[in-house]
Amino acid sequence: EHNTEQIYNEIAYPLVEGVTEGFNGTIFAYGQTGSGKSFTMQGIVDPSTQKGIIPRAFEHIFESVQCAENAKFLVRASYLEIYNEDIRDLLGADTKQKLE
């Protein structure tokens, strides 16, 4: 019964705060096909309460980077799908290509 805004605030926000302080962070979405993992991670633009965890995390990270003084940042992100023991990079140029 939660929307993605509530899920982000309760679960992902503290993790992303840690990332802005220099720690690594992982959000692992696991579940049966059709259970809403992709929707929770990606969401939709309108209404804004249904924007996914990934766009919210990117906004959070880049706002923190913009506000920081006397600091350098390296931001790296991956969005992987593991299905039937095949791994695909969903941010890569070819999302159908399997990784080793």
Protein backbone atom coordinates (compact mmCIF):
# COMPACT_ATOMS: atom_id res chain seq x y z
CA GLU A 1 0.00 0.00 0.00
CA HIS A 2 3.06 2.29 -0.16
CA ASN A 3 3.94 4.48 -3.09
CA THR A 4 7.52 4.80 -4.34
CA GLU A 5 8.00 8.12 -2.53
CA GLN A 6 7.30 6.44 0.81
CA ILE A 7 9.52 3.48 -0.06
CA TYR A 8 12.36 5.79 -1.03
CA ASN A 9 12.07 7.90 2.12
CA GLU A 10 11.91 4.92 4.46
CA ILE A 11 14.38 2.53 2.83
CA ALA A 12 16.59 4.11 0.18
CA TYR A 13 17.11 7.64 1.56
CA PRO A 14 19.39 6.52 4.44
CA LEU A 15 21.39 4.34 2.05
CA VAL A 16 21.86 7.18 -0.43
CA GLU A 17 22.87 9.51 2.42
CA GLY A 18 25.62 7.01 3.20
CA VAL A 19 26.67 7.03 -0.44
CA THR A 20 27.03 10.83 -0.34
CA GLU A 21 29.36 10.33 2.65
CA GLY A 22 31.62 7.97 0.68
CA PHE A 23 30.18 4.54 1.40
CA ASN A 24 29.14 2.04 -1.28
CA GLY A 25 25.44 1.31 -1.50
CA THR A 26 23.33 -1.40 -3.11
CA ILE A 27 19.59 -1.73 -3.52
CA PHE A 28 18.66 -5.29 -4.32
CA ALA A 29 15.17 -5.82 -5.72
CA TYR A 30 14.20 -9.47 -5.63
CA GLY A 31 10.95 -11.16 -6.46
CA GLN A 32 8.77 -13.07 -8.82
CA THR A 33 8.29 -11.89 -12.41
CA GLY A 34 5.54 -9.28 -12.50
CA SER A 35 5.79 -8.39 -8.80
CA GLY A 36 6.72 -4.73 -9.41
CA LYS A 37 10.52 -4.66 -9.09
CA SER A 38 11.12 -2.64 -12.28
CA PHE A 39 8.28 -0.26 -11.48
CA THR A 40 9.63 0.34 -7.98
CA MET A 41 13.12 0.99 -9.34
CA GLN A 42 12.15 3.06 -12.41
CA GLY A 43 8.65 4.33 -11.67
CA ILE A 44 6.77 6.83 -13.80
CA VAL A 45 7.18 10.60 -14.08
CA ASP A 46 3.58 11.59 -13.38
CA PRO A 47 2.37 11.61 -10.67
CA SER A 48 5.67 12.51 -9.01
CA THR A 49 4.84 10.28 -6.02
CA GLN A 50 5.37 7.33 -8.40
CA LYS A 51 8.85 8.34 -9.55
CA GLY A 52 11.09 5.34 -8.95
CA ILE A 53 13.99 4.77 -6.58
CA ILE A 54 16.63 5.26 -9.31
CA PRO A 55 15.55 8.77 -10.42
CA ARG A 56 15.07 9.79 -6.78
CA ALA A 57 18.53 8.51 -5.84
CA PHE A 58 20.14 10.30 -8.80
CA GLU A 59 18.45 13.58 -7.82
CA HIS A 60 19.54 13.11 -4.21
CA ILE A 61 23.16 12.33 -5.15
CA PHE A 62 23.56 15.17 -7.63
CA GLU A 63 21.94 17.71 -5.28
CA SER A 64 24.47 16.67 -2.63
CA VAL A 65 27.34 16.98 -5.13
CA GLN A 66 26.16 20.47 -6.15
CA CYS A 67 26.02 21.67 -2.55
CA ALA A 68 29.39 20.24 -1.48
CA GLU A 69 32.34 22.57 -1.12
CA ASN A 70 36.02 21.64 -1.44
CA ALA A 71 35.24 18.06 -2.45
CA LYS A 72 35.57 15.92 -5.57
CA PHE A 73 33.15 13.17 -6.46
CA LEU A 74 33.25 10.12 -8.69
CA VAL A 75 29.76 8.83 -9.35
CA ARG A 76 29.37 5.34 -10.80
CA ALA A 77 26.09 3.47 -11.11
CA SER A 78 25.02 0.12 -12.45
CA TYR A 79 21.60 -1.38 -12.97
CA LEU A 80 21.89 -5.12 -13.48
CA GLU A 81 19.30 -7.77 -14.16
CA ILE A 82 19.97 -11.35 -13.14
CA TYR A 83 17.45 -13.71 -14.71
CA ASN A 84 17.86 -17.47 -15.27
CA GLU A 85 21.54 -17.14 -14.36
CA ASP A 86 22.08 -14.54 -17.13
CA ILE A 87 23.30 -11.05 -16.22
CA ARG A 88 22.45 -7.99 -18.30
CA ASP A 89 23.45 -4.34 -17.82
CA LEU A 90 20.24 -2.32 -18.11
CA LEU A 91 22.19 0.95 -18.39
CA GLY A 92 24.46 -0.37 -21.17
CA ALA A 93 24.21 0.47 -24.86
CA ASP A 94 22.82 -3.00 -25.64
CA THR A 95 20.52 -4.11 -22.83
CA LYS A 96 20.05 -7.51 -24.50
CA GLN A 97 23.77 -8.36 -24.32
CA LYS A 98 24.65 -10.87 -21.62
CA LEU A 99 27.61 -10.18 -19.32
CA GLU A 100 30.14 -12.75 -18.17
